[in-house]
Amino acid sequence: MSKGLLLIGLLLIALIAACSPAAAPTPTLGAANLAPGSDAAQTEAAPSLLESVALATDDSAAWLSTPLTDAATGATFRLTDFPEKTVYVELMATWCTNCRIQQGNVRDVRAKLSADNYVFISLSVEPKDTTAGLAQYLVQYNYPWTFAVVPKDMLAALVEQFGQSVTNPTATPHLVIAPSGSVSQLATGIHTTDQLTAELTTAAGA
């Protein structure tokens, strides 16, 4: 083969390589990729504290006034029953191991903050969870705060306002209701004790 033909061949190979499309990047697994009911560990970075306590525009959502049953006492309550207090609301399920990790952090935060100013509520979004089952669950794991099952109409309203993440307990979705009654954005990902404390104290001053 002549040098001229060899050079032309090399140039053609280089031209073909330059025009070939780059390989698509491999997608990463985040909260949005987790199917509801999966129990994959949440390892991605939690949202910034500023984002997680940014006040939502709709602070008069009907779901705030939905009657709920306290699993421990059987008493009826609503999320609007705690005026001038900062209310932490976690959406969970009894089968969810991520939830128990987060609830361990919540237990530590609750011990640090005054009960006069802060309220902690865990709401099960699992259709198979019952009030009686939640009562056994909170005793088994020593969670000394309020637990209740989310009614279907309330869950539908939460999905409408916050999206499908509320139905995925393994994403550890949670929100904060400020003393003014304003509701935070939905935060996901396991948050540390320090992160949760910062979220709550920031919301308390909002």
N, C-alpha and C. Protein backbone atom coordinates (compact mmCIF):
# COMPACT_ATOMS: atom_id res chain seq x y z
N MET A 1 0.85 -1.19 0.00
CA MET A 1 0.00 0.00 0.00
C MET A 1 0.89 1.24 0.00
N SER A 2 0.56 2.23 -0.85
CA SER A 2 1.35 3.45 -0.91
C SER A 2 1.12 4.30 0.32
N LYS A 3 2.07 5.18 0.56
CA LYS A 3 1.93 6.07 1.72
C LYS A 3 0.70 6.96 1.57
N GLY A 4 0.39 7.35 0.33
CA GLY A 4 -0.78 8.21 0.12
C GLY A 4 -2.07 7.52 0.51
N LEU A 5 -2.22 6.24 0.08
CA LEU A 5 -3.44 5.51 0.46
C LEU A 5 -3.51 5.27 1.96
N LEU A 6 -2.37 4.97 2.58
CA LEU A 6 -2.34 4.76 4.03
C LEU A 6 -2.76 6.01 4.77
N LEU A 7 -2.29 7.16 4.30
CA LEU A 7 -2.64 8.43 4.94
C LEU A 7 -4.13 8.71 4.80
N ILE A 8 -4.67 8.42 3.59
CA ILE A 8 -6.10 8.64 3.38
C ILE A 8 -6.93 7.74 4.30
N GLY A 9 -6.47 6.47 4.46
CA GLY A 9 -7.18 5.54 5.35
C GLY A 9 -7.20 6.01 6.78
N LEU A 10 -6.07 6.50 7.27
CA LEU A 10 -5.99 7.00 8.65
C LEU A 10 -6.89 8.21 8.85
N LEU A 11 -6.92 9.08 7.82
CA LEU A 11 -7.77 10.27 7.93
C LEU A 11 -9.25 9.88 7.98
N LEU A 12 -9.63 8.85 7.19
CA LEU A 12 -11.02 8.40 7.21
C LEU A 12 -11.40 7.81 8.57
N ILE A 13 -10.48 7.04 9.17
CA ILE A 13 -10.75 6.45 10.50
C ILE A 13 -10.92 7.54 11.54
N ALA A 14 -10.07 8.57 11.49
CA ALA A 14 -10.17 9.68 12.44
C ALA A 14 -11.46 10.45 12.27
N LEU A 15 -11.89 10.63 11.00
CA LEU A 15 -13.12 11.36 10.72
C LEU A 15 -14.34 10.61 11.24
N ILE A 16 -14.36 9.28 11.04
CA ILE A 16 -15.48 8.46 11.53
C ILE A 16 -15.56 8.50 13.06
N ALA A 17 -14.41 8.42 13.73
CA ALA A 17 -14.39 8.45 15.20
C ALA A 17 -14.90 9.77 15.73
N ALA A 18 -14.54 10.86 15.04
CA ALA A 18 -14.96 12.19 15.50
C ALA A 18 -16.45 12.40 15.35
N CYS A 19 -17.05 11.73 14.36
CA CYS A 19 -18.48 11.93 14.09
C CYS A 19 -19.37 10.96 14.87
N SER A 20 -18.80 9.95 15.50
CA SER A 20 -19.59 8.96 16.25
C SER A 20 -20.18 9.60 17.50
N PRO A 21 -21.47 9.34 17.84
CA PRO A 21 -22.09 9.92 19.05
C PRO A 21 -21.46 9.38 20.31
N ALA A 22 -21.33 10.24 21.31
CA ALA A 22 -20.76 9.82 22.60
C ALA A 22 -21.72 8.89 23.31
N ALA A 23 -21.20 7.98 24.09
CA ALA A 23 -22.04 7.05 24.85
C ALA A 23 -22.84 7.81 25.89
N ALA A 24 -24.11 7.43 26.04
CA ALA A 24 -24.97 8.09 27.02
C ALA A 24 -24.47 7.80 28.42
N PRO A 25 -24.54 8.80 29.33
CA PRO A 25 -24.09 8.56 30.69
C PRO A 25 -24.99 7.58 31.41
N THR A 26 -24.43 6.81 32.29
CA THR A 26 -25.20 5.84 33.07
C THR A 26 -26.05 6.57 34.10
N PRO A 27 -27.39 6.35 34.12
CA PRO A 27 -28.23 7.06 35.09
C PRO A 27 -27.90 6.65 36.51
N THR A 28 -28.04 7.59 37.43
CA THR A 28 -27.79 7.30 38.84
C THR A 28 -29.11 7.05 39.53
N LEU A 29 -29.08 6.30 40.60
CA LEU A 29 -30.28 5.96 41.35
C LEU A 29 -30.49 6.98 42.45
N GLY A 30 -31.55 7.76 42.33
CA GLY A 30 -31.89 8.74 43.35
C GLY A 30 -33.29 8.49 43.85
N ALA A 31 -33.81 9.39 44.68
CA ALA A 31 -35.14 9.20 45.26
C ALA A 31 -36.20 9.11 44.19
N ALA A 32 -36.04 9.87 43.08
CA ALA A 32 -37.05 9.87 42.04
C ALA A 32 -37.09 8.53 41.30
N ASN A 33 -36.01 7.76 41.34
CA ASN A 33 -35.94 6.49 40.64
C ASN A 33 -36.41 5.32 41.48
N LEU A 34 -36.65 5.53 42.75
CA LEU A 34 -37.04 4.43 43.63
C LEU A 34 -38.52 4.16 43.49
N ALA A 35 -38.88 2.92 43.22
CA ALA A 35 -40.29 2.57 43.12
C ALA A 35 -40.90 2.57 44.50
N PRO A 36 -42.18 3.05 44.65
CA PRO A 36 -42.84 2.99 45.95
C PRO A 36 -42.82 1.58 46.49
N GLY A 37 -42.44 1.44 47.76
CA GLY A 37 -42.38 0.13 48.39
C GLY A 37 -41.01 -0.47 48.39
N SER A 38 -40.07 0.08 47.59
CA SER A 38 -38.71 -0.46 47.62
C SER A 38 -38.04 0.00 48.90
N ASP A 39 -37.03 -0.73 49.33
CA ASP A 39 -36.37 -0.38 50.59
C ASP A 39 -34.88 -0.15 50.35
N ALA A 40 -34.56 0.43 49.17
CA ALA A 40 -33.16 0.75 48.87
C ALA A 40 -32.68 1.86 49.78
N ALA A 41 -31.42 1.81 50.18
CA ALA A 41 -30.87 2.82 51.08
C ALA A 41 -30.79 4.15 50.39
N GLN A 42 -31.13 5.22 51.12
CA GLN A 42 -31.04 6.58 50.60
C GLN A 42 -29.67 7.12 50.94
N THR A 43 -28.80 7.22 49.94
CA THR A 43 -27.44 7.66 50.21
C THR A 43 -27.12 8.99 49.55
N GLU A 44 -28.04 9.50 48.70
CA GLU A 44 -27.74 10.76 48.04
C GLU A 44 -27.84 11.92 49.03
N ALA A 45 -27.22 13.03 48.68
CA ALA A 45 -27.18 14.17 49.58
C ALA A 45 -28.58 14.70 49.85
N ALA A 46 -28.85 15.06 51.09
CA ALA A 46 -30.13 15.63 51.46
C ALA A 46 -30.24 17.04 50.90
N PRO A 47 -31.47 17.53 50.68
CA PRO A 47 -31.62 18.89 50.18
C PRO A 47 -31.02 19.90 51.15
N SER A 48 -30.69 21.07 50.63
CA SER A 48 -30.15 22.10 51.51
C SER A 48 -31.20 22.49 52.53
N LEU A 49 -30.75 22.94 53.69
CA LEU A 49 -31.68 23.34 54.74
C LEU A 49 -32.55 24.49 54.27
N LEU A 50 -31.98 25.41 53.49
CA LEU A 50 -32.74 26.54 53.01
C LEU A 50 -33.89 26.08 52.14
N GLU A 51 -33.61 25.10 51.27
CA GLU A 51 -34.65 24.57 50.41
C GLU A 51 -35.71 23.85 51.21
N SER A 52 -35.29 23.08 52.20
CA SER A 52 -36.24 22.23 52.92
C SER A 52 -37.14 23.02 53.86
N VAL A 53 -36.82 24.27 54.16
CA VAL A 53 -37.70 25.06 55.01
C VAL A 53 -38.27 26.26 54.26
N ALA A 54 -38.09 26.28 52.92
CA ALA A 54 -38.67 27.35 52.14
C ALA A 54 -40.19 27.26 52.23
N LEU A 55 -40.87 28.34 52.54
CA LEU A 55 -42.30 28.29 52.78
C LEU A 55 -43.08 28.10 51.48
N ALA A 56 -44.01 27.17 51.49
CA ALA A 56 -44.85 26.93 50.33
C ALA A 56 -45.86 28.06 50.19
N THR A 57 -46.36 28.25 48.97
CA THR A 57 -47.31 29.35 48.75
C THR A 57 -48.70 29.03 49.28
N ASP A 58 -49.06 27.76 49.28
CA ASP A 58 -50.39 27.37 49.74
C ASP A 58 -50.33 26.91 51.19
N ASP A 59 -50.68 27.80 52.10
CA ASP A 59 -50.62 27.45 53.52
C ASP A 59 -52.01 27.19 54.10
N SER A 60 -52.98 26.96 53.22
CA SER A 60 -54.35 26.70 53.70
C SER A 60 -54.86 25.37 53.16
N ALA A 61 -53.94 24.43 52.91
CA ALA A 61 -54.32 23.14 52.34
C ALA A 61 -55.30 22.41 53.25
N ALA A 62 -56.31 21.81 52.63
CA ALA A 62 -57.36 21.14 53.40
C ALA A 62 -56.83 19.96 54.21
N TRP A 63 -55.76 19.33 53.73
CA TRP A 63 -55.25 18.15 54.43
C TRP A 63 -54.76 18.48 55.84
N LEU A 64 -54.44 19.74 56.08
CA LEU A 64 -54.00 20.14 57.42
C LEU A 64 -55.10 19.94 58.45
N SER A 65 -56.34 19.98 57.99
CA SER A 65 -57.48 19.88 58.92
C SER A 65 -58.12 18.49 58.93
N THR A 66 -57.50 17.53 58.27
CA THR A 66 -58.04 16.16 58.25
C THR A 66 -57.96 15.53 59.63
N PRO A 67 -59.05 14.96 60.13
CA PRO A 67 -59.00 14.28 61.43
C PRO A 67 -58.10 13.05 61.38
N LEU A 68 -57.25 12.91 62.38
CA LEU A 68 -56.33 11.78 62.49
C LEU A 68 -56.52 11.12 63.86
N THR A 69 -56.16 9.85 63.95
CA THR A 69 -56.31 9.12 65.21
C THR A 69 -54.95 8.83 65.81
N ASP A 70 -54.71 9.34 67.00
CA ASP A 70 -53.46 9.09 67.72
C ASP A 70 -53.39 7.59 68.05
N ALA A 71 -52.36 6.91 67.52
CA ALA A 71 -52.26 5.46 67.70
C ALA A 71 -52.11 5.07 69.17
N ALA A 72 -51.48 5.91 69.96
CA ALA A 72 -51.23 5.57 71.36
C ALA A 72 -52.45 5.79 72.25
N THR A 73 -53.22 6.84 71.96
CA THR A 73 -54.32 7.21 72.87
C THR A 73 -55.71 7.00 72.27
N GLY A 74 -55.79 6.91 70.94
CA GLY A 74 -57.09 6.81 70.30
C GLY A 74 -57.78 8.14 70.14
N ALA A 75 -57.15 9.22 70.59
CA ALA A 75 -57.75 10.55 70.50
C ALA A 75 -57.66 11.09 69.07
N THR A 76 -58.63 11.91 68.71
CA THR A 76 -58.63 12.55 67.39
C THR A 76 -57.88 13.87 67.46
N PHE A 77 -57.06 14.13 66.43
CA PHE A 77 -56.34 15.40 66.37
C PHE A 77 -56.19 15.81 64.91
N ARG A 78 -55.78 17.05 64.71
CA ARG A 78 -55.51 17.59 63.38
C ARG A 78 -54.17 18.29 63.41
N LEU A 79 -53.55 18.43 62.27
CA LEU A 79 -52.25 19.11 62.22
C LEU A 79 -52.38 20.59 62.52
N THR A 80 -53.60 21.09 62.50
CA THR A 80 -53.84 22.50 62.84
C THR A 80 -54.06 22.71 64.34
N ASP A 81 -53.92 21.65 65.12
CA ASP A 81 -54.20 21.73 66.56
C ASP A 81 -53.04 22.27 67.38
N PHE A 82 -51.98 22.74 66.74
CA PHE A 82 -50.79 23.15 67.48
C PHE A 82 -50.37 24.57 67.12
N PRO A 83 -51.23 25.54 67.41
CA PRO A 83 -50.92 26.93 67.07
C PRO A 83 -49.67 27.43 67.80
N GLU A 84 -48.89 28.23 67.09
CA GLU A 84 -47.68 28.84 67.63
C GLU A 84 -46.60 27.83 67.98
N LYS A 85 -46.74 26.60 67.46
CA LYS A 85 -45.68 25.60 67.65
C LYS A 85 -45.13 25.19 66.29
N THR A 86 -43.90 24.69 66.29
CA THR A 86 -43.28 24.16 65.08
C THR A 86 -43.53 22.66 65.04
N VAL A 87 -44.14 22.19 63.94
CA VAL A 87 -44.57 20.79 63.86
C VAL A 87 -43.76 20.06 62.79
N TYR A 88 -43.07 19.02 63.20
CA TYR A 88 -42.33 18.15 62.28
C TYR A 88 -43.23 16.99 61.89
N VAL A 89 -43.41 16.79 60.59
CA VAL A 89 -44.28 15.71 60.08
C VAL A 89 -43.47 14.79 59.19
N GLU A 90 -43.39 13.52 59.57
CA GLU A 90 -42.67 12.53 58.76
C GLU A 90 -43.65 11.51 58.21
N LEU A 91 -43.52 11.21 56.90
CA LEU A 91 -44.34 10.20 56.25
C LEU A 91 -43.56 8.90 56.22
N MET A 92 -44.16 7.81 56.72
CA MET A 92 -43.40 6.59 56.98
C MET A 92 -44.26 5.36 56.78
N ALA A 93 -43.65 4.19 57.04
CA ALA A 93 -44.35 2.90 57.07
C ALA A 93 -43.64 2.02 58.08
N THR A 94 -44.37 1.09 58.67
CA THR A 94 -43.77 0.26 59.72
C THR A 94 -42.72 -0.70 59.18
N TRP A 95 -42.78 -1.04 57.89
CA TRP A 95 -41.82 -1.97 57.31
C TRP A 95 -40.53 -1.28 56.85
N CYS A 96 -40.49 0.02 56.87
CA CYS A 96 -39.41 0.80 56.25
C CYS A 96 -38.21 0.95 57.18
N THR A 97 -37.07 0.36 56.79
CA THR A 97 -35.87 0.47 57.63
C THR A 97 -35.27 1.88 57.58
N ASN A 98 -35.37 2.55 56.43
CA ASN A 98 -34.89 3.93 56.36
C ASN A 98 -35.65 4.82 57.34
N CYS A 99 -36.95 4.55 57.47
CA CYS A 99 -37.77 5.33 58.40
C CYS A 99 -37.26 5.19 59.83
N ARG A 100 -36.86 3.98 60.19
CA ARG A 100 -36.38 3.77 61.55
C ARG A 100 -35.04 4.46 61.80
N ILE A 101 -34.21 4.54 60.76
CA ILE A 101 -32.97 5.31 60.89
C ILE A 101 -33.30 6.78 61.14
N GLN A 102 -34.20 7.31 60.33
CA GLN A 102 -34.59 8.71 60.49
C GLN A 102 -35.26 8.94 61.84
N GLN A 103 -36.11 8.00 62.27
CA GLN A 103 -36.82 8.16 63.53
C GLN A 103 -35.86 8.11 64.72
N GLY A 104 -34.76 7.39 64.57
CA GLY A 104 -33.74 7.43 65.62
C GLY A 104 -33.17 8.83 65.76
N ASN A 105 -32.95 9.51 64.62
CA ASN A 105 -32.47 10.89 64.65
C ASN A 105 -33.54 11.82 65.22
N VAL A 106 -34.79 11.56 64.85
CA VAL A 106 -35.89 12.37 65.37
C VAL A 106 -35.98 12.25 66.88
N ARG A 107 -35.79 11.03 67.40
CA ARG A 107 -35.81 10.83 68.86
C ARG A 107 -34.77 11.72 69.54
N ASP A 108 -33.57 11.78 68.95
CA ASP A 108 -32.49 12.59 69.53
C ASP A 108 -32.82 14.08 69.45
N VAL A 109 -33.40 14.51 68.33
CA VAL A 109 -33.77 15.93 68.17
C VAL A 109 -34.86 16.30 69.17
N ARG A 110 -35.84 15.41 69.31
CA ARG A 110 -36.95 15.68 70.23
C ARG A 110 -36.44 15.86 71.67
N ALA A 111 -35.40 15.11 72.02
CA ALA A 111 -34.84 15.21 73.38
C ALA A 111 -34.13 16.54 73.60
N LYS A 112 -33.68 17.17 72.50
CA LYS A 112 -32.93 18.42 72.60
C LYS A 112 -33.82 19.65 72.61
N LEU A 113 -35.01 19.55 71.99
CA LEU A 113 -35.86 20.72 71.82
C LEU A 113 -37.03 20.71 72.80
N SER A 114 -37.49 21.88 73.15
CA SER A 114 -38.55 22.03 74.14
C SER A 114 -39.90 21.54 73.61
N ALA A 115 -40.57 20.73 74.40
CA ALA A 115 -41.90 20.25 74.03
C ALA A 115 -42.92 21.38 74.02
N ASP A 116 -42.58 22.49 74.65
CA ASP A 116 -43.48 23.64 74.66
C ASP A 116 -43.51 24.33 73.30
N ASN A 117 -42.49 24.10 72.47
CA ASN A 117 -42.38 24.81 71.21
C ASN A 117 -42.39 23.91 69.98
N TYR A 118 -42.16 22.60 70.18
CA TYR A 118 -42.02 21.70 69.04
C TYR A 118 -42.90 20.46 69.21
N VAL A 119 -43.49 20.02 68.09
CA VAL A 119 -44.33 18.83 68.08
C VAL A 119 -43.81 17.89 66.98
N PHE A 120 -43.80 16.58 67.27
CA PHE A 120 -43.30 15.59 66.33
C PHE A 120 -44.43 14.60 66.01
N ILE A 121 -44.67 14.40 64.71
CA ILE A 121 -45.76 13.52 64.28
C ILE A 121 -45.27 12.64 63.13
N SER A 122 -45.49 11.35 63.24
CA SER A 122 -45.18 10.40 62.18
C SER A 122 -46.49 9.87 61.61
N LEU A 123 -46.62 9.94 60.28
CA LEU A 123 -47.85 9.53 59.61
C LEU A 123 -47.56 8.39 58.65
N SER A 124 -48.22 7.25 58.84
CA SER A 124 -48.01 6.11 57.96
C SER A 124 -48.80 6.28 56.66
N VAL A 125 -48.10 6.09 55.53
CA VAL A 125 -48.74 6.15 54.22
C VAL A 125 -48.92 4.74 53.64
N GLU A 126 -48.64 3.73 54.44
CA GLU A 126 -48.79 2.34 54.01
C GLU A 126 -50.24 1.89 54.21
N PRO A 127 -50.95 1.52 53.11
CA PRO A 127 -52.36 1.13 53.23
C PRO A 127 -52.61 -0.03 54.20
N LYS A 128 -51.60 -0.90 54.36
CA LYS A 128 -51.79 -2.07 55.23
C LYS A 128 -51.54 -1.76 56.70
N ASP A 129 -50.94 -0.62 57.00
CA ASP A 129 -50.73 -0.25 58.41
C ASP A 129 -52.05 0.13 59.05
N THR A 130 -52.22 -0.28 60.31
CA THR A 130 -53.44 0.04 61.06
C THR A 130 -53.07 0.83 62.31
N THR A 131 -54.07 1.44 62.91
CA THR A 131 -53.85 2.19 64.13
C THR A 131 -53.32 1.28 65.23
N ALA A 132 -53.88 0.08 65.34
CA ALA A 132 -53.42 -0.88 66.36
C ALA A 132 -51.99 -1.32 66.07
N GLY A 133 -51.67 -1.53 64.82
CA GLY A 133 -50.31 -1.92 64.45
C GLY A 133 -49.30 -0.82 64.75
N LEU A 134 -49.69 0.42 64.50
CA LEU A 134 -48.81 1.56 64.82
C LEU A 134 -48.59 1.65 66.32
N ALA A 135 -49.62 1.38 67.10
CA ALA A 135 -49.49 1.45 68.55
C ALA A 135 -48.44 0.46 69.04
N GLN A 136 -48.42 -0.75 68.48
CA GLN A 136 -47.41 -1.75 68.84
C GLN A 136 -46.03 -1.32 68.35
N TYR A 137 -45.98 -0.73 67.17
CA TYR A 137 -44.72 -0.31 66.55
C TYR A 137 -44.01 0.75 67.40
N LEU A 138 -44.74 1.76 67.83
CA LEU A 138 -44.10 2.85 68.58
C LEU A 138 -43.64 2.38 69.96
N VAL A 139 -44.33 1.40 70.53
CA VAL A 139 -43.88 0.82 71.80
C VAL A 139 -42.63 -0.04 71.57
N GLN A 140 -42.66 -0.84 70.51
CA GLN A 140 -41.54 -1.73 70.20
C GLN A 140 -40.23 -0.97 70.02
N TYR A 141 -40.31 0.20 69.35
CA TYR A 141 -39.09 0.94 69.05
C TYR A 141 -38.89 2.17 69.95
N ASN A 142 -39.76 2.31 70.93
CA ASN A 142 -39.62 3.40 71.91
C ASN A 142 -39.62 4.77 71.24
N TYR A 143 -40.71 5.03 70.52
CA TYR A 143 -40.88 6.34 69.89
C TYR A 143 -41.96 7.11 70.67
N PRO A 144 -41.56 8.01 71.54
CA PRO A 144 -42.52 8.68 72.42
C PRO A 144 -43.14 9.94 71.81
N TRP A 145 -43.61 9.84 70.58
CA TRP A 145 -44.33 10.97 69.98
C TRP A 145 -45.54 10.43 69.24
N THR A 146 -46.27 11.29 68.56
CA THR A 146 -47.56 10.94 67.98
C THR A 146 -47.42 10.21 66.64
N PHE A 147 -48.14 9.10 66.51
CA PHE A 147 -48.21 8.33 65.27
C PHE A 147 -49.67 8.20 64.84
N ALA A 148 -49.91 8.22 63.53
CA ALA A 148 -51.26 8.05 63.01
C ALA A 148 -51.18 7.52 61.58
N VAL A 149 -52.28 6.91 61.13
CA VAL A 149 -52.39 6.43 59.75
C VAL A 149 -53.02 7.52 58.90
N VAL A 150 -52.44 7.77 57.72
CA VAL A 150 -52.98 8.79 56.82
C VAL A 150 -54.21 8.25 56.10
N PRO A 151 -55.37 8.92 56.20
CA PRO A 151 -56.55 8.49 55.44
C PRO A 151 -56.31 8.66 53.93
N LYS A 152 -57.06 7.92 53.12
CA LYS A 152 -56.85 7.96 51.66
C LYS A 152 -57.04 9.35 51.08
N ASP A 153 -58.06 10.09 51.54
CA ASP A 153 -58.30 11.41 50.97
C ASP A 153 -57.17 12.38 51.32
N MET A 154 -56.61 12.22 52.51
CA MET A 154 -55.49 13.08 52.91
C MET A 154 -54.25 12.74 52.09
N LEU A 155 -54.02 11.44 51.85
CA LEU A 155 -52.86 11.03 51.06
C LEU A 155 -52.97 11.57 49.64
N ALA A 156 -54.17 11.52 49.08
CA ALA A 156 -54.38 12.05 47.72
C ALA A 156 -54.08 13.54 47.67
N ALA A 157 -54.49 14.26 48.72
CA ALA A 157 -54.24 15.70 48.77
C ALA A 157 -52.74 15.99 48.92
N LEU A 158 -52.05 15.17 49.70
CA LEU A 158 -50.60 15.34 49.87
C LEU A 158 -49.86 15.10 48.55
N VAL A 159 -50.29 14.07 47.82
CA VAL A 159 -49.68 13.77 46.51
C VAL A 159 -49.90 14.94 45.56
N GLU A 160 -51.11 15.50 45.59
CA GLU A 160 -51.42 16.63 44.71
C GLU A 160 -50.53 17.83 45.00
N GLN A 161 -50.25 18.07 46.28
CA GLN A 161 -49.45 19.24 46.65
C GLN A 161 -47.95 18.99 46.54
N PHE A 162 -47.49 17.78 46.91
CA PHE A 162 -46.05 17.54 47.02
C PHE A 162 -45.49 16.54 46.00
N GLY A 163 -46.36 15.79 45.31
CA GLY A 163 -45.89 14.80 44.36
C GLY A 163 -45.83 13.40 44.94
N GLN A 164 -45.44 12.44 44.10
CA GLN A 164 -45.47 11.03 44.47
C GLN A 164 -44.46 10.66 45.56
N SER A 165 -43.49 11.53 45.83
CA SER A 165 -42.49 11.20 46.87
C SER A 165 -43.13 10.92 48.22
N VAL A 166 -44.30 11.50 48.48
CA VAL A 166 -44.94 11.28 49.77
C VAL A 166 -45.38 9.82 49.95
N THR A 167 -45.52 9.10 48.84
CA THR A 167 -45.97 7.70 48.93
C THR A 167 -44.80 6.73 49.02
N ASN A 168 -43.57 7.23 49.03
CA ASN A 168 -42.38 6.38 49.08
C ASN A 168 -41.68 6.56 50.43
N PRO A 169 -42.04 5.76 51.43
CA PRO A 169 -41.44 5.93 52.76
C PRO A 169 -39.92 5.83 52.77
N THR A 170 -39.34 5.00 51.87
CA THR A 170 -37.90 4.82 51.88
C THR A 170 -37.15 6.10 51.52
N ALA A 171 -37.84 7.07 50.91
CA ALA A 171 -37.23 8.38 50.62
C ALA A 171 -37.23 9.27 51.86
N THR A 172 -37.77 8.77 52.97
CA THR A 172 -37.92 9.51 54.24
C THR A 172 -38.44 10.93 54.01
N PRO A 173 -39.60 11.07 53.35
CA PRO A 173 -40.16 12.40 53.13
C PRO A 173 -40.63 13.03 54.42
N HIS A 174 -40.36 14.31 54.59
CA HIS A 174 -40.82 15.00 55.78
C HIS A 174 -40.98 16.49 55.48
N LEU A 175 -41.77 17.15 56.28
CA LEU A 175 -42.03 18.57 56.11
C LEU A 175 -42.17 19.21 57.48
N VAL A 176 -42.18 20.54 57.49
CA VAL A 176 -42.28 21.28 58.74
C VAL A 176 -43.38 22.32 58.62
N ILE A 177 -44.21 22.40 59.64
CA ILE A 177 -45.25 23.43 59.71
C ILE A 177 -44.76 24.49 60.70
N ALA A 178 -44.61 25.70 60.22
CA ALA A 178 -44.11 26.79 61.05
C ALA A 178 -45.18 27.26 62.03
N PRO A 179 -44.80 27.96 63.10
CA PRO A 179 -45.79 28.47 64.06
C PRO A 179 -46.86 29.34 63.41
N SER A 180 -46.54 29.97 62.30
CA SER A 180 -47.51 30.81 61.59
C SER A 180 -48.55 29.98 60.85
N GLY A 181 -48.30 28.67 60.69
CA GLY A 181 -49.19 27.80 59.95
C GLY A 181 -48.71 27.52 58.54
N SER A 182 -47.66 28.21 58.10
CA SER A 182 -47.10 27.98 56.77
C SER A 182 -46.41 26.63 56.71
N VAL A 183 -46.45 26.02 55.54
CA VAL A 183 -45.91 24.68 55.36
C VAL A 183 -44.64 24.74 54.51
N SER A 184 -43.63 23.96 54.92
CA SER A 184 -42.36 23.93 54.18
C SER A 184 -42.49 23.12 52.90
N GLN A 185 -41.46 23.19 52.08
CA GLN A 185 -41.33 22.26 50.97
C GLN A 185 -41.15 20.86 51.54
N LEU A 186 -41.39 19.84 50.73
CA LEU A 186 -41.15 18.46 51.15
C LEU A 186 -39.66 18.16 51.02
N ALA A 187 -39.05 17.68 52.09
CA ALA A 187 -37.64 17.28 52.07
C ALA A 187 -37.56 15.77 52.04
N THR A 188 -36.55 15.23 51.35
CA THR A 188 -36.34 13.79 51.30
C THR A 188 -34.88 13.47 51.62
N GLY A 189 -34.62 12.21 51.88
CA GLY A 189 -33.28 11.80 52.26
C GLY A 189 -33.14 11.78 53.77
N ILE A 190 -32.36 10.84 54.28
CA ILE A 190 -32.14 10.75 55.72
C ILE A 190 -31.35 11.96 56.17
N HIS A 191 -31.90 12.73 57.10
CA HIS A 191 -31.24 13.91 57.63
C HIS A 191 -30.66 13.62 59.01
N THR A 192 -29.50 14.14 59.28
CA THR A 192 -28.84 13.92 60.55
C THR A 192 -29.55 14.69 61.66
N THR A 193 -29.16 14.40 62.89
CA THR A 193 -29.72 15.13 64.03
C THR A 193 -29.47 16.63 63.89
N ASP A 194 -28.27 17.01 63.50
CA ASP A 194 -27.95 18.43 63.35
C ASP A 194 -28.77 19.06 62.23
N GLN A 195 -28.94 18.35 61.12
CA GLN A 195 -29.73 18.89 60.02
C GLN A 195 -31.19 19.10 60.43
N LEU A 196 -31.76 18.10 61.09
CA LEU A 196 -33.15 18.22 61.52
C LEU A 196 -33.32 19.35 62.54
N THR A 197 -32.37 19.46 63.44
CA THR A 197 -32.45 20.54 64.43
C THR A 197 -32.40 21.89 63.75
N ALA A 198 -31.52 22.03 62.76
CA ALA A 198 -31.42 23.29 62.02
C ALA A 198 -32.69 23.59 61.24
N GLU A 199 -33.30 22.57 60.62
CA GLU A 199 -34.54 22.77 59.89
C GLU A 199 -35.65 23.28 60.81
N LEU A 200 -35.76 22.64 61.97
CA LEU A 200 -36.83 23.00 62.88
C LEU A 200 -36.64 24.38 63.50
N THR A 201 -35.43 24.67 63.91
CA THR A 201 -35.19 25.97 64.54
C THR A 201 -35.31 27.10 63.51
N THR A 202 -34.92 26.82 62.26
CA THR A 202 -35.08 27.82 61.20
C THR A 202 -36.55 28.07 60.92
N ALA A 203 -37.33 26.99 60.84
CA ALA A 203 -38.77 27.13 60.62
C ALA A 203 -39.45 27.86 61.78
N ALA A 204 -38.96 27.63 62.98
CA ALA A 204 -39.56 28.27 64.16
C ALA A 204 -39.42 29.78 64.11
N GLY A 205 -38.37 30.25 63.44
CA GLY A 205 -38.17 31.69 63.34
C GLY A 205 -38.67 32.30 62.07
N ALA A 206 -39.30 31.47 61.18
CA ALA A 206 -39.74 31.97 59.88
C ALA A 206 -41.01 32.81 60.02
